[in-house]
């Protein structure tokens, strides 16, 4: 018998699980399938920025992660002599979102928390031990053939979302190719547990830009540490995964006896972006849509932003509040952001991965020519959206406090209208599922929000927490309605 749902999510890693929670919070009927029966027990992603922690809070995973994470004091690139080539330091304890600028975390902890949240949402059904075999487009939706423990079953859905990783079955079945951004390097990743109850051996993440062997040394969640060793041109994976080989590589920097090896795996660090993120009712998110080298720690962060951008748009289309064209804005808005981050990660990777001795010496001379204080900068603040917003919008909105809690908690996964004074427009906005609040009602954070308003009477924040724009409330809401219908944020003189 064919089963029907609004959304079929393929893959229940952090991106698929977050997407499922967002949809479930809005009452969208969804089925999430996952080939494996259990959460993969080893850490993979290592870093979450403050924006992503804020989005994961909306998905119910940030609190568990924050208890099993630690911030970096700095992120440093050093040459073979240990000299600082460049680095980034913390801007402060908390970002304007109310979360740490950086969190080195334990991925299984996040996945368990997200799955627990999913189980509490009646409109979402989780199916473990289920794998997508194929699908076909029928009408406006798809019919998927899913392999289950009881045989193959059909699931019909209005949308099929591929959150199934770099080797995505959804992407391959959709015959979507990649745009290669020119980075492909093999690295051995070693995850370790610190012995003797030690919580950390360093508070800084280090890139050793040594042409003899580039190395990453990174504190993870408390009690864990990650090493990454670039394979040399003559090496094969089997040459570097033995206990002896790993111990000899670690010994260059630390006593190997301090570490218990939890995982060892050889990966190729790629820079790939899918050419199409949407083919009708079939949509890609996370690693299925893009893969980037880990030198900025933005892989999972980017996938979480995908889920947040996509979920509210799907809900709006399903409920008839938005036109189908709104979904075309997903790639238009997200791909430039991903390309910018990937380009930065590739540039950092090329600094790290230089194995030519003469090229490394020239790199060192150029970078060391600047005074050391000029080589250390505050942590990078990423650009926001370039489309899907009004002129002057696009930045991540700060969080505020309302009635003793986060404004995010009060609003939920909905657009937020913040006004100097309540108006009829705000009442209509709230009736349509938005959250409206006056500036005076905010107990903290009002100053940062008022600065974004820049003298305007209202500020509109998208569900994914990017600022849509500032202006007159009625004009802003008119522009928002036009955007929902077309996927384009038209300029309005009254709202700009």
Protein backbone atom coordinates (compact mmCIF):
# COMPACT_ATOMS: atom_id res chain seq x y z
CA UNK A 1 0.00 0.00 0.00
CA UNK A 2 1.26 3.46 -0.89
CA UNK A 3 1.81 5.84 2.03
CA UNK A 4 1.41 9.58 1.57
CA UNK A 5 3.11 12.53 3.23
CA UNK A 6 3.93 16.16 2.52
CA UNK A 7 7.71 15.81 2.80
CA UNK A 8 9.99 12.79 2.57
CA UNK A 9 13.42 13.46 4.12
CA UNK A 10 16.15 11.05 3.04
CA UNK A 11 18.97 10.96 5.59
CA UNK A 12 18.74 11.62 9.31
CA UNK A 13 22.06 13.18 10.11
CA UNK A 14 22.04 16.61 11.78
CA UNK A 15 20.79 18.41 8.66
CA UNK A 16 17.93 16.00 7.98
CA UNK A 17 17.00 15.88 11.66
CA UNK A 18 17.01 19.68 12.01
CA UNK A 19 14.88 19.99 8.88
CA UNK A 20 12.45 17.45 10.31
CA UNK A 21 12.18 19.38 13.58
CA UNK A 22 11.56 22.68 11.81
CA UNK A 23 8.82 21.11 9.69
CA UNK A 24 7.34 19.34 12.69
CA UNK A 25 7.24 22.53 14.74
CA UNK A 26 5.08 24.03 11.99
CA UNK A 27 2.82 20.98 11.84
CA UNK A 28 3.99 19.80 8.41
CA UNK A 29 3.47 16.10 7.82
CA UNK A 30 6.87 14.52 7.13
CA UNK A 31 8.56 11.13 7.04
CA UNK A 32 12.31 10.93 7.69
CA UNK A 33 14.09 7.76 6.58
CA UNK A 34 17.58 6.64 7.51
CA UNK A 35 19.50 3.58 6.35
CA UNK A 36 21.25 2.99 9.68
CA UNK A 37 19.48 1.95 12.85
CA UNK A 38 21.60 3.99 15.25
CA UNK A 39 23.36 7.33 15.41
CA UNK A 40 26.93 6.96 14.19
CA UNK A 41 28.85 6.88 17.49
CA UNK A 42 31.99 8.72 16.37
CA UNK A 43 32.39 12.51 15.98
CA UNK A 44 32.64 13.85 12.44
CA UNK A 45 31.78 17.53 12.35
CA UNK A 46 33.73 19.42 15.01
CA UNK A 47 32.71 23.08 15.00
CA UNK A 48 29.53 25.12 15.30
CA UNK A 49 29.44 28.90 15.03
CA UNK A 50 27.08 31.12 16.99
CA UNK A 51 24.60 31.42 14.10
CA UNK A 52 24.30 27.65 13.86
CA UNK A 53 23.93 27.21 17.61
CA UNK A 54 21.07 29.67 17.44
CA UNK A 55 19.41 27.68 14.63
CA UNK A 56 19.99 24.42 16.48
CA UNK A 57 18.37 25.97 19.56
CA UNK A 58 15.26 26.41 17.42
CA UNK A 59 15.58 22.71 16.54
CA UNK A 60 16.01 21.63 20.16
CA UNK A 61 19.65 20.56 20.00
CA UNK A 62 21.75 23.48 21.25
CA UNK A 63 21.33 22.97 24.99
CA UNK A 64 22.65 19.40 24.89
CA UNK A 65 25.51 20.49 22.65
CA UNK A 66 26.45 23.43 24.88
CA UNK A 67 26.95 21.04 27.81
CA UNK A 68 29.35 18.94 25.70
CA UNK A 69 31.32 21.66 23.96
CA UNK A 70 34.08 24.17 24.49
CA UNK A 71 35.03 27.38 22.69
CA UNK A 72 38.34 27.97 20.97
CA UNK A 73 40.49 30.72 22.43
CA UNK A 74 42.17 31.14 19.03
CA UNK A 75 42.69 29.50 15.64
CA UNK A 76 46.34 29.72 14.57
CA UNK A 77 48.34 28.88 11.44
CA UNK A 78 51.99 28.22 12.24
CA UNK A 79 54.93 27.22 10.06
CA UNK A 80 57.39 24.37 10.57
CA UNK A 81 59.37 26.51 13.05
CA UNK A 82 56.26 27.28 15.08
CA UNK A 83 56.10 30.90 13.96
CA UNK A 84 52.65 32.47 13.69
CA UNK A 85 51.71 33.03 10.05
CA UNK A 86 48.16 34.16 10.77
CA UNK A 87 45.43 33.59 13.31
CA UNK A 88 42.03 34.48 14.64
CA UNK A 89 41.08 35.20 18.25
CA UNK A 90 37.75 35.25 20.04
CA UNK A 91 35.68 38.44 19.91
CA UNK A 92 34.22 37.78 23.36
CA UNK A 93 32.32 35.19 25.29
CA UNK A 94 29.00 35.58 23.48
CA UNK A 95 27.93 36.82 20.04
CA UNK A 96 24.86 39.08 19.62
CA UNK A 97 22.82 35.91 19.06
CA UNK A 98 23.45 34.99 22.70
CA UNK A 99 25.62 31.98 21.84
CA UNK A 100 29.42 31.47 21.90
CA UNK A 101 31.23 32.59 18.76
CA UNK A 102 32.72 29.10 18.44
CA UNK A 103 31.74 25.76 19.94
CA UNK A 104 33.86 22.63 19.47
CA UNK A 105 31.29 19.92 20.01
CA UNK A 106 30.49 16.21 20.00
CA UNK A 107 28.33 15.34 17.00
CA UNK A 108 26.63 12.21 18.41
CA UNK A 109 25.37 14.33 21.33
CA UNK A 110 23.72 16.70 18.85
CA UNK A 111 22.18 13.91 16.81
CA UNK A 112 20.66 12.19 19.84
CA UNK A 113 19.16 15.49 21.00
CA UNK A 114 17.65 16.25 17.59
CA UNK A 115 16.19 12.77 17.30
CA UNK A 116 14.68 13.06 20.76
CA UNK A 117 13.04 16.32 19.69
CA UNK A 118 11.73 14.66 16.54
CA UNK A 119 10.07 11.95 18.58
CA UNK A 120 8.01 14.62 20.37
CA UNK A 121 6.52 16.00 17.14
CA UNK A 122 3.36 14.16 16.10
CA UNK A 123 3.43 15.23 12.45
CA UNK A 124 6.88 13.70 11.82
CA UNK A 125 7.52 9.97 11.54
CA UNK A 126 11.08 8.60 11.80
CA UNK A 127 11.84 5.34 9.97
CA UNK A 128 15.20 3.77 10.78
CA UNK A 129 16.57 0.90 8.72
CA UNK A 130 14.87 2.40 5.64
CA UNK A 131 16.79 3.31 2.48
CA UNK A 132 15.76 5.05 -0.72
CA UNK A 133 16.07 2.78 -3.74
CA UNK A 134 14.61 5.03 -6.43
CA UNK A 135 11.90 7.57 -7.08
CA UNK A 136 9.78 8.85 -9.94
CA UNK A 137 8.05 12.18 -10.43
CA UNK A 138 4.26 11.97 -10.54
CA UNK A 139 2.27 15.17 -10.98
CA UNK A 140 3.60 17.84 -8.61
CA UNK A 141 5.31 15.33 -6.33
CA UNK A 142 7.29 12.10 -6.22
CA UNK A 143 6.70 8.45 -5.48
CA UNK A 144 9.70 6.86 -3.76
CA UNK A 145 10.56 3.18 -3.55
CA UNK A 146 11.92 2.62 -0.07
CA UNK A 147 13.65 -0.53 1.12
CA UNK A 148 12.39 -1.39 4.59
CA UNK A 149 12.98 -4.35 6.95
CA UNK A 150 9.67 -5.70 5.61
CA UNK A 151 10.44 -5.23 1.93
CA UNK A 152 10.06 -2.41 -0.57
CA UNK A 153 7.28 0.12 0.05
CA UNK A 154 6.06 3.18 -1.81
CA UNK A 155 5.93 6.62 -0.21
CA UNK A 156 4.29 9.46 -2.13
CA UNK A 157 5.37 12.98 -1.15
CA UNK A 158 4.93 16.51 -2.41
CA UNK A 159 8.64 17.12 -1.78
CA UNK A 160 11.63 14.78 -1.55
CA UNK A 161 14.57 16.30 0.32
CA UNK A 162 18.00 14.69 -0.03
CA UNK A 163 19.94 15.16 3.21
CA UNK A 164 21.88 11.97 2.55
CA UNK A 165 25.45 13.19 2.47
CA UNK A 166 28.26 13.44 -0.02
CA UNK A 167 27.36 10.17 -1.74
CA UNK A 168 23.71 11.20 -1.94
CA UNK A 169 21.41 8.66 -3.56
CA UNK A 170 18.89 11.45 -4.16
CA UNK A 171 21.45 13.54 -6.04
CA UNK A 172 22.62 10.59 -8.15
CA UNK A 173 19.06 9.54 -8.99
CA UNK A 174 18.29 13.13 -9.96
CA UNK A 175 21.39 13.10 -12.21
CA UNK A 176 22.70 16.33 -10.71
CA UNK A 177 26.39 17.01 -11.27
CA UNK A 178 28.95 18.98 -9.26
CA UNK A 179 30.85 22.17 -9.88
CA UNK A 180 34.42 21.39 -8.76
CA UNK A 181 36.11 24.36 -7.06
CA UNK A 182 39.54 22.81 -7.44
CA UNK A 183 40.48 21.25 -4.09
CA UNK A 184 41.03 17.53 -3.59
CA UNK A 185 43.50 16.41 -0.92
CA UNK A 186 43.74 13.16 1.11
CA UNK A 187 43.94 13.47 4.90
CA UNK A 188 44.03 11.00 7.79
CA UNK A 189 41.59 12.02 10.53
CA UNK A 190 42.32 10.76 14.05
CA UNK A 191 39.80 11.27 16.85
CA UNK A 192 41.14 10.63 20.32
CA UNK A 193 39.99 10.55 23.94
CA UNK A 194 42.33 12.18 26.43
CA UNK A 195 43.49 9.83 29.17
CA UNK A 196 43.54 10.44 32.91
CA UNK A 197 40.49 12.68 33.02
CA UNK A 198 42.25 15.49 31.15
CA UNK A 199 39.69 17.78 29.52
CA UNK A 200 42.00 19.59 27.08
CA UNK A 201 45.62 19.87 26.01
CA UNK A 202 45.07 23.21 24.30
CA UNK A 203 42.38 25.85 24.04
CA UNK A 204 43.52 26.87 20.55
CA UNK A 205 43.05 25.14 17.22
CA UNK A 206 46.33 24.82 15.34
CA UNK A 207 47.21 24.38 11.69
CA UNK A 208 50.84 23.33 11.29
CA UNK A 209 51.77 24.54 7.82
CA UNK A 210 54.78 22.25 7.57
CA UNK A 211 55.67 21.17 4.02
CA UNK A 212 57.10 17.94 5.43
CA UNK A 213 53.56 17.06 6.53
CA UNK A 214 50.71 19.55 7.06
CA UNK A 215 48.89 18.80 10.33
CA UNK A 216 45.74 19.96 12.13
CA UNK A 217 45.52 19.76 15.93
CA UNK A 218 42.11 20.67 17.25
CA UNK A 219 40.44 20.46 20.68
CA UNK A 220 37.01 18.93 20.35
CA UNK A 221 34.41 18.46 23.06
CA UNK A 222 35.91 18.34 26.56
CA UNK A 223 38.09 15.24 26.92
CA UNK A 224 38.51 14.78 23.17
CA UNK A 225 41.11 15.93 20.65
CA UNK A 226 41.38 15.60 16.88
CA UNK A 227 44.47 15.31 14.71
CA UNK A 228 44.45 15.47 10.92
CA UNK A 229 47.54 14.47 8.94
CA UNK A 230 47.86 15.16 5.23
CA UNK A 231 48.97 12.13 3.25
CA UNK A 232 52.21 12.59 1.34
CA UNK A 233 52.27 11.97 -2.42
CA UNK A 234 53.82 8.49 -2.08
CA UNK A 235 51.55 7.33 0.75
CA UNK A 236 48.49 5.13 0.55
CA UNK A 237 45.77 4.95 3.23
CA UNK A 238 47.04 1.60 4.50
CA UNK A 239 50.46 3.20 5.13
CA UNK A 240 49.19 5.63 7.75
CA UNK A 241 46.38 3.97 9.74
CA UNK A 242 48.41 1.59 11.91
CA UNK A 243 48.94 2.33 15.60
CA UNK A 244 52.66 2.67 14.98
CA UNK A 245 52.28 5.13 12.10
CA UNK A 246 49.78 7.25 14.04
CA UNK A 247 51.92 7.30 17.17
CA UNK A 248 54.95 8.44 15.20
CA UNK A 249 52.99 11.33 13.64
CA UNK A 250 51.47 12.46 16.95
CA UNK A 251 54.88 12.23 18.66
CA UNK A 252 56.13 15.21 16.66
CA UNK A 253 53.75 17.39 18.71
CA UNK A 254 52.64 15.48 21.82
CA UNK A 255 53.28 12.33 23.82
CA UNK A 256 51.15 9.67 22.08
CA UNK A 257 50.57 7.99 25.46
CA UNK A 258 48.20 10.85 26.35
CA UNK A 259 45.66 9.71 23.77
CA UNK A 260 43.35 6.78 23.25
CA UNK A 261 42.48 6.47 19.57
CA UNK A 262 38.72 6.48 19.05
CA UNK A 263 38.53 6.67 15.25
CA UNK A 264 40.89 6.65 12.28
CA UNK A 265 39.79 7.28 8.71
CA UNK A 266 41.24 8.65 5.49
CA UNK A 267 39.11 11.26 3.75
CA UNK A 268 39.51 13.35 0.65
CA UNK A 269 38.85 17.00 1.44
CA UNK A 270 36.74 18.29 -1.44
CA UNK A 271 35.33 21.61 -2.64
CA UNK A 272 32.22 20.66 -4.60
CA UNK A 273 28.89 22.40 -5.16
CA UNK A 274 25.89 20.76 -6.83
CA UNK A 275 24.87 22.47 -10.06
CA UNK A 276 21.18 22.19 -9.17
CA UNK A 277 19.82 22.21 -5.63
CA UNK A 278 16.25 21.80 -6.79
CA UNK A 279 14.72 19.74 -9.58
CA UNK A 280 10.99 20.28 -9.27
CA UNK A 281 9.84 18.45 -6.15
CA UNK A 282 13.36 17.09 -5.45
CA UNK A 283 15.66 19.27 -3.32
CA UNK A 284 19.17 18.80 -1.91
CA UNK A 285 20.54 20.06 1.41
CA UNK A 286 23.77 19.75 3.37
CA UNK A 287 26.61 17.63 1.99
CA UNK A 288 24.31 16.36 -0.74
CA UNK A 289 24.35 19.91 -2.14
CA UNK A 290 27.85 21.06 -1.22
CA UNK A 291 31.11 19.86 0.30
CA UNK A 292 33.95 22.03 1.52
CA UNK A 293 37.38 21.56 3.10
CA UNK A 294 37.24 21.70 6.92
CA UNK A 295 39.59 24.64 7.44
CA UNK A 296 36.78 27.00 8.47
CA UNK A 297 34.68 24.36 10.23
CA UNK A 298 31.61 25.43 8.25
CA UNK A 299 30.34 22.17 6.71
CA UNK A 300 27.60 21.36 9.23
CA UNK A 301 26.97 25.07 9.81
CA UNK A 302 26.18 25.49 6.11
CA UNK A 303 23.91 22.45 6.08
CA UNK A 304 21.99 23.75 9.09
CA UNK A 305 21.48 27.06 7.31
CA UNK A 306 20.14 25.09 4.33
CA UNK A 307 17.58 23.37 6.54
CA UNK A 308 16.49 26.64 8.15
CA UNK A 309 16.16 28.40 4.79
CA UNK A 310 14.23 25.56 3.22
CA UNK A 311 11.83 24.48 5.97
CA UNK A 312 9.75 27.63 6.31
CA UNK A 313 9.54 28.03 2.55
CA UNK A 314 8.20 24.50 2.12
CA UNK A 315 5.63 25.12 4.85
CA UNK A 316 4.53 28.40 3.25
CA UNK A 317 4.09 26.73 -0.15
CA UNK A 318 2.19 23.78 1.30
CA UNK A 319 -0.15 26.10 3.22
CA UNK A 320 -0.79 28.27 0.16
CA UNK A 321 0.78 31.40 1.68
CA UNK A 322 3.58 31.38 -0.91
CA UNK A 323 4.01 30.59 -4.57
CA UNK A 324 6.09 27.67 -5.77
CA UNK A 325 8.63 30.22 -7.05
CA UNK A 326 9.64 30.87 -3.44
CA UNK A 327 11.45 27.52 -3.47
CA UNK A 328 13.56 28.67 -6.41
CA UNK A 329 14.99 31.31 -4.07
CA UNK A 330 16.55 28.55 -1.92
CA UNK A 331 19.59 27.99 -4.14
CA UNK A 332 19.69 31.63 -5.23
CA UNK A 333 20.06 32.70 -1.60
CA UNK A 334 22.17 29.88 -0.22
CA UNK A 335 24.63 29.10 -3.02
CA UNK A 336 26.48 32.46 -2.99
CA UNK A 337 26.92 32.11 0.78
CA UNK A 338 28.24 28.57 0.39
CA UNK A 339 30.54 29.60 -2.45
CA UNK A 340 31.94 32.45 -0.38
CA UNK A 341 32.64 30.17 2.59
CA UNK A 342 34.03 27.38 0.39
CA UNK A 343 36.31 29.85 -1.36
CA UNK A 344 37.64 31.04 1.99
CA UNK A 345 38.15 27.44 3.17
CA UNK A 346 39.99 26.56 -0.06
CA UNK A 347 42.25 29.62 0.34
CA UNK A 348 43.10 28.61 3.92
CA UNK A 349 43.58 25.01 2.79
CA UNK A 350 46.09 26.05 0.16
CA UNK A 351 48.09 27.87 2.84
CA UNK A 352 48.08 24.75 5.00
CA UNK A 353 48.60 22.14 2.29
CA UNK A 354 51.70 23.58 0.64
CA UNK A 355 54.20 20.70 0.36
CA UNK A 356 56.73 22.34 -1.93
CA UNK A 357 59.59 23.51 0.30
CA UNK A 358 60.50 26.56 -1.78
CA UNK A 359 56.86 27.62 -2.08
CA UNK A 360 56.46 27.21 1.70
CA UNK A 361 59.54 29.36 2.33
CA UNK A 362 58.15 32.09 0.04
CA UNK A 363 54.78 31.85 1.81
CA UNK A 364 56.48 32.23 5.19
CA UNK A 365 58.51 35.25 4.09
CA UNK A 366 55.44 37.00 2.74
CA UNK A 367 53.26 36.30 5.77
CA UNK A 368 55.95 36.96 8.39
CA UNK A 369 56.74 40.34 6.84
CA UNK A 370 53.75 41.79 8.72
CA UNK A 371 54.14 42.51 12.46
CA UNK A 372 52.79 39.70 14.61
CA UNK A 373 49.97 41.86 15.95
CA UNK A 374 48.80 42.33 12.37
CA UNK A 375 48.81 38.59 11.76
CA UNK A 376 46.31 37.92 14.55
CA UNK A 377 42.78 39.12 13.87
CA UNK A 378 39.39 38.74 15.49
CA UNK A 379 37.40 35.70 14.44
CA UNK A 380 35.85 35.97 10.99
CA UNK A 381 32.28 37.27 10.84
CA UNK A 382 30.53 35.77 7.85
CA UNK A 383 28.53 37.82 5.41
CA UNK A 384 24.77 37.44 5.42
CA UNK A 385 22.22 37.10 2.64
CA UNK A 386 22.62 39.05 -0.57
CA UNK A 387 19.11 38.29 -1.89
CA UNK A 388 15.73 37.48 -0.38
CA UNK A 389 15.99 40.63 1.71
CA UNK A 390 15.29 44.34 1.39
CA UNK A 391 18.12 46.84 0.81
CA UNK A 392 20.03 47.13 4.06
CA UNK A 393 18.85 43.68 5.25
CA UNK A 394 20.58 40.32 5.17
CA UNK A 395 22.53 40.36 8.42
CA UNK A 396 21.83 37.90 11.23
CA UNK A 397 19.43 39.47 13.70
CA UNK A 398 20.53 39.64 17.35
CA UNK A 399 18.45 37.76 19.86
CA UNK A 400 16.71 39.63 22.66
CA UNK A 401 14.99 38.81 25.94
CA UNK A 402 11.25 38.84 26.34
CA UNK A 403 9.49 37.97 29.59
CA UNK A 404 12.63 36.41 31.02
CA UNK A 405 13.33 34.16 28.04
CA UNK A 406 14.82 34.39 24.58
CA UNK A 407 12.78 36.18 21.94
CA UNK A 408 13.58 33.15 19.76
CA UNK A 409 11.69 30.93 22.19
CA UNK A 410 8.65 33.17 22.23
CA UNK A 411 8.53 33.49 18.43
CA UNK A 412 9.35 29.90 17.55
CA UNK A 413 10.18 29.12 13.94
CA UNK A 414 8.23 32.09 12.54
CA UNK A 415 8.94 35.53 11.09
CA UNK A 416 9.27 38.28 13.68
CA UNK A 417 8.02 41.85 13.37
CA UNK A 418 9.54 44.26 15.91
CA UNK A 419 7.85 47.69 16.06
CA UNK A 420 8.18 50.88 17.98
CA UNK A 421 4.40 50.86 18.44
CA UNK A 422 1.73 48.23 17.76
CA UNK A 423 -0.33 48.73 14.62
CA UNK A 424 -3.17 47.13 12.67
CA UNK A 425 -0.59 45.70 10.27
CA UNK A 426 1.06 43.86 13.15
CA UNK A 427 -2.26 42.32 14.23
CA UNK A 428 -2.79 40.95 10.73
CA UNK A 429 0.80 39.65 10.68
CA UNK A 430 0.28 37.80 13.95
CA UNK A 431 -3.01 36.35 12.72
CA UNK A 432 -1.16 34.95 9.68
CA UNK A 433 1.32 33.04 11.84
CA UNK A 434 3.96 35.70 12.40
CA UNK A 435 5.16 36.93 15.78
CA UNK A 436 4.82 40.65 16.54
CA UNK A 437 6.36 42.48 19.46
CA UNK A 438 7.06 46.09 20.39
CA UNK A 439 10.55 47.36 21.06
CA UNK A 440 9.51 48.51 24.52
CA UNK A 441 8.50 44.99 25.51
CA UNK A 442 12.05 43.69 25.08
CA UNK A 443 13.93 43.42 28.34
CA UNK A 444 17.42 43.33 26.78
CA UNK A 445 18.88 43.44 23.31
CA UNK A 446 16.64 46.33 22.28
CA UNK A 447 19.63 48.61 21.65
CA UNK A 448 21.14 46.28 19.04
CA UNK A 449 17.77 45.85 17.34
CA UNK A 450 17.08 49.58 17.37
CA UNK A 451 20.46 50.14 15.71
CA UNK A 452 19.38 47.86 12.87
CA UNK A 453 16.10 49.77 12.57
CA UNK A 454 18.15 52.91 11.85
CA UNK A 455 15.29 55.22 12.71
CA UNK A 456 12.58 53.15 10.98
CA UNK A 457 9.37 52.23 12.75
CA UNK A 458 9.68 48.46 12.32
CA UNK A 459 12.11 45.60 11.64
CA UNK A 460 11.11 42.31 9.99
CA UNK A 461 13.17 39.18 10.71
CA UNK A 462 12.80 36.04 8.59
CA UNK A 463 12.17 32.65 10.27
CA UNK A 464 15.82 31.72 9.56
CA UNK A 465 16.74 34.82 11.61
CA UNK A 466 18.13 36.98 8.85
CA UNK A 467 16.88 40.56 8.82
CA UNK A 468 14.43 40.99 5.94
CA UNK A 469 14.40 44.77 6.22
CA UNK A 470 13.52 47.88 8.18
CA UNK A 471 10.85 50.46 7.41
CA UNK A 472 7.17 51.23 7.88
CA UNK A 473 5.39 48.14 9.19
CA UNK A 474 2.65 48.08 6.55
CA UNK A 475 5.13 48.58 3.71
CA UNK A 476 7.44 45.91 5.12
CA UNK A 477 4.61 43.38 5.30
CA UNK A 478 3.56 44.23 1.75
CA UNK A 479 7.10 43.60 0.58
CA UNK A 480 7.18 40.34 2.57
CA UNK A 481 3.97 39.15 0.89
CA UNK A 482 5.41 39.99 -2.52
CA UNK A 483 8.55 38.03 -1.68
CA UNK A 484 6.54 34.99 -0.60
CA UNK A 485 4.64 35.08 -3.88
CA UNK A 486 7.61 35.52 -6.20
CA UNK A 487 10.79 34.59 -4.36
CA UNK A 488 12.14 38.09 -5.04
CA UNK A 489 12.36 40.90 -2.52
CA UNK A 490 11.22 43.88 -4.61
CA UNK A 491 12.41 47.30 -3.54
CA UNK A 492 9.73 49.41 -1.91
CA UNK A 493 10.44 53.09 -1.31
CA UNK A 494 8.35 53.03 1.85
CA UNK A 495 10.12 49.96 3.25
CA UNK A 496 13.67 50.63 2.11
